[in-house]
Amino acid sequence: PYQHWTELKSMFVSGVPFYRKPQQKHINGIVQEDSSMVEVLNEANMLQYHEIKGEWSSDNPDIEIHLDGKNNYILGHILKRLCDIVYCPPPPPIPPKSPP
């Protein structure tokens, strides 16, 4: 309800009517929505994110954070894979040529 309320408030303040459905245009199979409404909602969400309000705040009662002292192998594997993708490991050295 809070997110919906802030969206309606931001649309009201900017003058975009919120009682009509956004118009969708089909261009080459790509659906494009009414840009003014989407732009206002994106700007409102970005402002909330920068001010750490609403769903971005840490005191949100809907979010449960469980931190335990155990080793999390799944998270470790995911982080290792992401680091390998971003920072590619160097290739192995070329073995020296040995006489026949």
C-alpha atoms as a PDB file:
ATOM      1  CA  PRO A   1       0.000   0.000   0.000  1.00  0.00           C
ATOM      2  CA  TYR A   2       2.808   2.463   0.779  1.00  0.00           C
ATOM      3  CA  GLN A   3       4.451   2.003  -2.626  1.00  0.00           C
ATOM      4  CA  HIS A   4       1.125   2.419  -4.409  1.00  0.00           C
ATOM      5  CA  TRP A   5       0.384   5.564  -2.400  1.00  0.00           C
ATOM      6  CA  THR A   6       3.748   7.144  -3.257  1.00  0.00           C
ATOM      7  CA  GLU A   7       3.268   6.327  -6.954  1.00  0.00           C
ATOM      8  CA  LEU A   8      -0.152   7.985  -6.978  1.00  0.00           C
ATOM      9  CA  LYS A   9       1.229  10.985  -5.093  1.00  0.00           C
ATOM     10  CA  SER A  10       4.143  11.455  -7.509  1.00  0.00           C
ATOM     11  CA  MET A  11       1.800  11.193 -10.506  1.00  0.00           C
ATOM     12  CA  PHE A  12      -0.580  13.740  -8.944  1.00  0.00           C
ATOM     13  CA  VAL A  13       2.217  16.203  -8.179  1.00  0.00           C
ATOM     14  CA  SER A  14       3.620  15.945 -11.713  1.00  0.00           C
ATOM     15  CA  GLY A  15       0.185  16.337 -13.311  1.00  0.00           C
ATOM     16  CA  VAL A  16       0.021  12.924 -14.976  1.00  0.00           C
ATOM     17  CA  PRO A  17      -3.502  11.455 -14.789  1.00  0.00           C
ATOM     18  CA  PHE A  18      -3.489   8.177 -12.879  1.00  0.00           C
ATOM     19  CA  TYR A  19      -7.019   7.045 -13.582  1.00  0.00           C
ATOM     20  CA  ARG A  20      -6.338   5.879 -17.129  1.00  0.00           C
ATOM     21  CA  LYS A  21      -4.363   2.873 -18.218  1.00  0.00           C
ATOM     22  CA  PRO A  22      -1.028   3.588 -19.904  1.00  0.00           C
ATOM     23  CA  GLN A  23      -1.188   3.432 -23.658  1.00  0.00           C
ATOM     24  CA  GLN A  24       0.905   0.731 -25.210  1.00  0.00           C
ATOM     25  CA  LYS A  25       2.365   1.002 -28.673  1.00  0.00           C
ATOM     26  CA  HIS A  26       3.578  -1.983 -30.654  1.00  0.00           C
ATOM     27  CA  ILE A  27       6.584  -1.086 -32.778  1.00  0.00           C
ATOM     28  CA  ASN A  28       8.319  -4.001 -34.508  1.00  0.00           C
ATOM     29  CA  GLY A  29       6.973  -6.410 -31.907  1.00  0.00           C
ATOM     30  CA  ILE A  30       8.281  -4.318 -28.987  1.00  0.00           C
ATOM     31  CA  VAL A  31       5.732  -2.996 -26.500  1.00  0.00           C
ATOM     32  CA  GLN A  32       6.348   0.617 -25.487  1.00  0.00           C
ATOM     33  CA  GLU A  33       4.286   2.183 -22.710  1.00  0.00           C
ATOM     34  CA  ASP A  34       3.250   5.796 -22.222  1.00  0.00           C
ATOM     35  CA  SER A  35       6.604   7.427 -21.603  1.00  0.00           C
ATOM     36  CA  SER A  36       5.419  10.301 -19.395  1.00  0.00           C
ATOM     37  CA  MET A  37       3.785   8.008 -16.844  1.00  0.00           C
ATOM     38  CA  VAL A  38       6.702   5.561 -16.788  1.00  0.00           C
ATOM     39  CA  GLU A  39       9.211   8.413 -16.516  1.00  0.00           C
ATOM     40  CA  VAL A  40       7.399   9.915 -13.512  1.00  0.00           C
ATOM     41  CA  LEU A  41       7.227   6.553 -11.737  1.00  0.00           C
ATOM     42  CA  ASN A  42      10.897   5.818 -12.432  1.00  0.00           C
ATOM     43  CA  GLU A  43      11.897   9.233 -11.097  1.00  0.00           C
ATOM     44  CA  ALA A  44       9.839   8.698  -7.929  1.00  0.00           C
ATOM     45  CA  ASN A  45      11.429   5.292  -7.352  1.00  0.00           C
ATOM     46  CA  MET A  46      14.919   6.704  -7.905  1.00  0.00           C
ATOM     47  CA  LEU A  47      14.242   9.521  -5.447  1.00  0.00           C
ATOM     48  CA  GLN A  48      13.084   6.997  -2.826  1.00  0.00           C
ATOM     49  CA  TYR A  49      16.196   4.920  -3.465  1.00  0.00           C
ATOM     50  CA  HIS A  50      18.522   7.907  -3.015  1.00  0.00           C
ATOM     51  CA  GLU A  51      16.753   9.002   0.174  1.00  0.00           C
ATOM     52  CA  ILE A  52      16.552   5.386   1.452  1.00  0.00           C
ATOM     53  CA  LYS A  53      12.823   5.617   2.079  1.00  0.00           C
ATOM     54  CA  GLY A  54       9.898   3.275   1.553  1.00  0.00           C
ATOM     55  CA  GLU A  55      10.838  -0.201   0.409  1.00  0.00           C
ATOM     56  CA  TRP A  56      14.537   0.760   0.411  1.00  0.00           C
ATOM     57  CA  SER A  57      14.731   1.545   4.137  1.00  0.00           C
ATOM     58  CA  SER A  58      16.343  -0.939   6.495  1.00  0.00           C
ATOM     59  CA  ASP A  59      13.526  -0.639   9.054  1.00  0.00           C
ATOM     60  CA  ASN A  60      10.986  -2.155   6.670  1.00  0.00           C
ATOM     61  CA  PRO A  61       9.069  -4.792   8.698  1.00  0.00           C
ATOM     62  CA  ASP A  62       8.353  -6.884   5.581  1.00  0.00           C
ATOM     63  CA  ILE A  63      12.034  -7.750   5.141  1.00  0.00           C
ATOM     64  CA  GLU A  64      13.553 -10.500   7.236  1.00  0.00           C
ATOM     65  CA  ILE A  65      17.325 -10.730   7.345  1.00  0.00           C
ATOM     66  CA  HIS A  66      18.811 -13.909   8.751  1.00  0.00           C
ATOM     67  CA  LEU A  67      22.543 -13.817   9.332  1.00  0.00           C
ATOM     68  CA  ASP A  68      23.975 -16.913  10.892  1.00  0.00           C
ATOM     69  CA  GLY A  69      27.558 -17.646  11.741  1.00  0.00           C
ATOM     70  CA  LYS A  70      27.679 -20.762   9.571  1.00  0.00           C
ATOM     71  CA  ASN A  71      29.580 -20.899   6.309  1.00  0.00           C
ATOM     72  CA  ASN A  72      27.262 -20.295   3.374  1.00  0.00           C
ATOM     73  CA  TYR A  73      28.636 -22.459   0.585  1.00  0.00           C
ATOM     74  CA  ILE A  74      25.976 -21.468  -1.952  1.00  0.00           C
ATOM     75  CA  LEU A  75      26.655 -17.743  -1.546  1.00  0.00           C
ATOM     76  CA  GLY A  76      30.398 -18.405  -1.661  1.00  0.00           C
ATOM     77  CA  HIS A  77      30.027 -20.350  -4.911  1.00  0.00           C
ATOM     78  CA  ILE A  78      27.924 -17.590  -6.484  1.00  0.00           C
ATOM     79  CA  LEU A  79      30.403 -14.895  -5.459  1.00  0.00           C
ATOM     80  CA  LYS A  80      33.344 -16.957  -6.748  1.00  0.00           C
ATOM     81  CA  ARG A  81      31.631 -17.439 -10.126  1.00  0.00           C
ATOM     82  CA  LEU A  82      30.807 -13.722 -10.386  1.00  0.00           C
ATOM     83  CA  CYS A  83      34.392 -12.757  -9.513  1.00  0.00           C
ATOM     84  CA  ASP A  84      35.693 -15.206 -12.127  1.00  0.00           C
ATOM     85  CA  ILE A  85      33.403 -13.667 -14.732  1.00  0.00           C
ATOM     86  CA  VAL A  86      34.313 -10.068 -13.879  1.00  0.00           C
ATOM     87  CA  TYR A  87      38.009 -10.632 -13.140  1.00  0.00           C
ATOM     88  CA  CYS A  88      39.082 -13.389 -15.484  1.00  0.00           C
ATOM     89  CA  PRO A  89      41.823 -15.573 -14.008  1.00  0.00           C
ATOM     90  CA  PRO A  90      45.087 -15.498 -15.961  1.00  0.00           C
ATOM     91  CA  PRO A  91      45.621 -18.352 -18.421  1.00  0.00           C
ATOM     92  CA  PRO A  92      47.880 -21.185 -17.226  1.00  0.00           C
ATOM     93  CA  PRO A  93      51.533 -20.881 -18.217  1.00  0.00           C
ATOM     94  CA  ILE A  94      52.700 -22.597 -21.383  1.00  0.00           C
ATOM     95  CA  PRO A  95      54.650 -25.760 -20.552  1.00  0.00           C
ATOM     96  CA  PRO A  96      58.315 -25.624 -21.588  1.00  0.00           C
ATOM     97  CA  LYS A  97      59.383 -27.530 -24.657  1.00  0.00           C
ATOM     98  CA  SER A  98      61.172 -30.697 -23.732  1.00  0.00           C
ATOM     99  CA  PRO A  99      63.657 -32.477 -26.011  1.00  0.00           C
ATOM    100  CA  PRO A 100      62.308 -35.628 -27.737  1.00  0.00           C
END
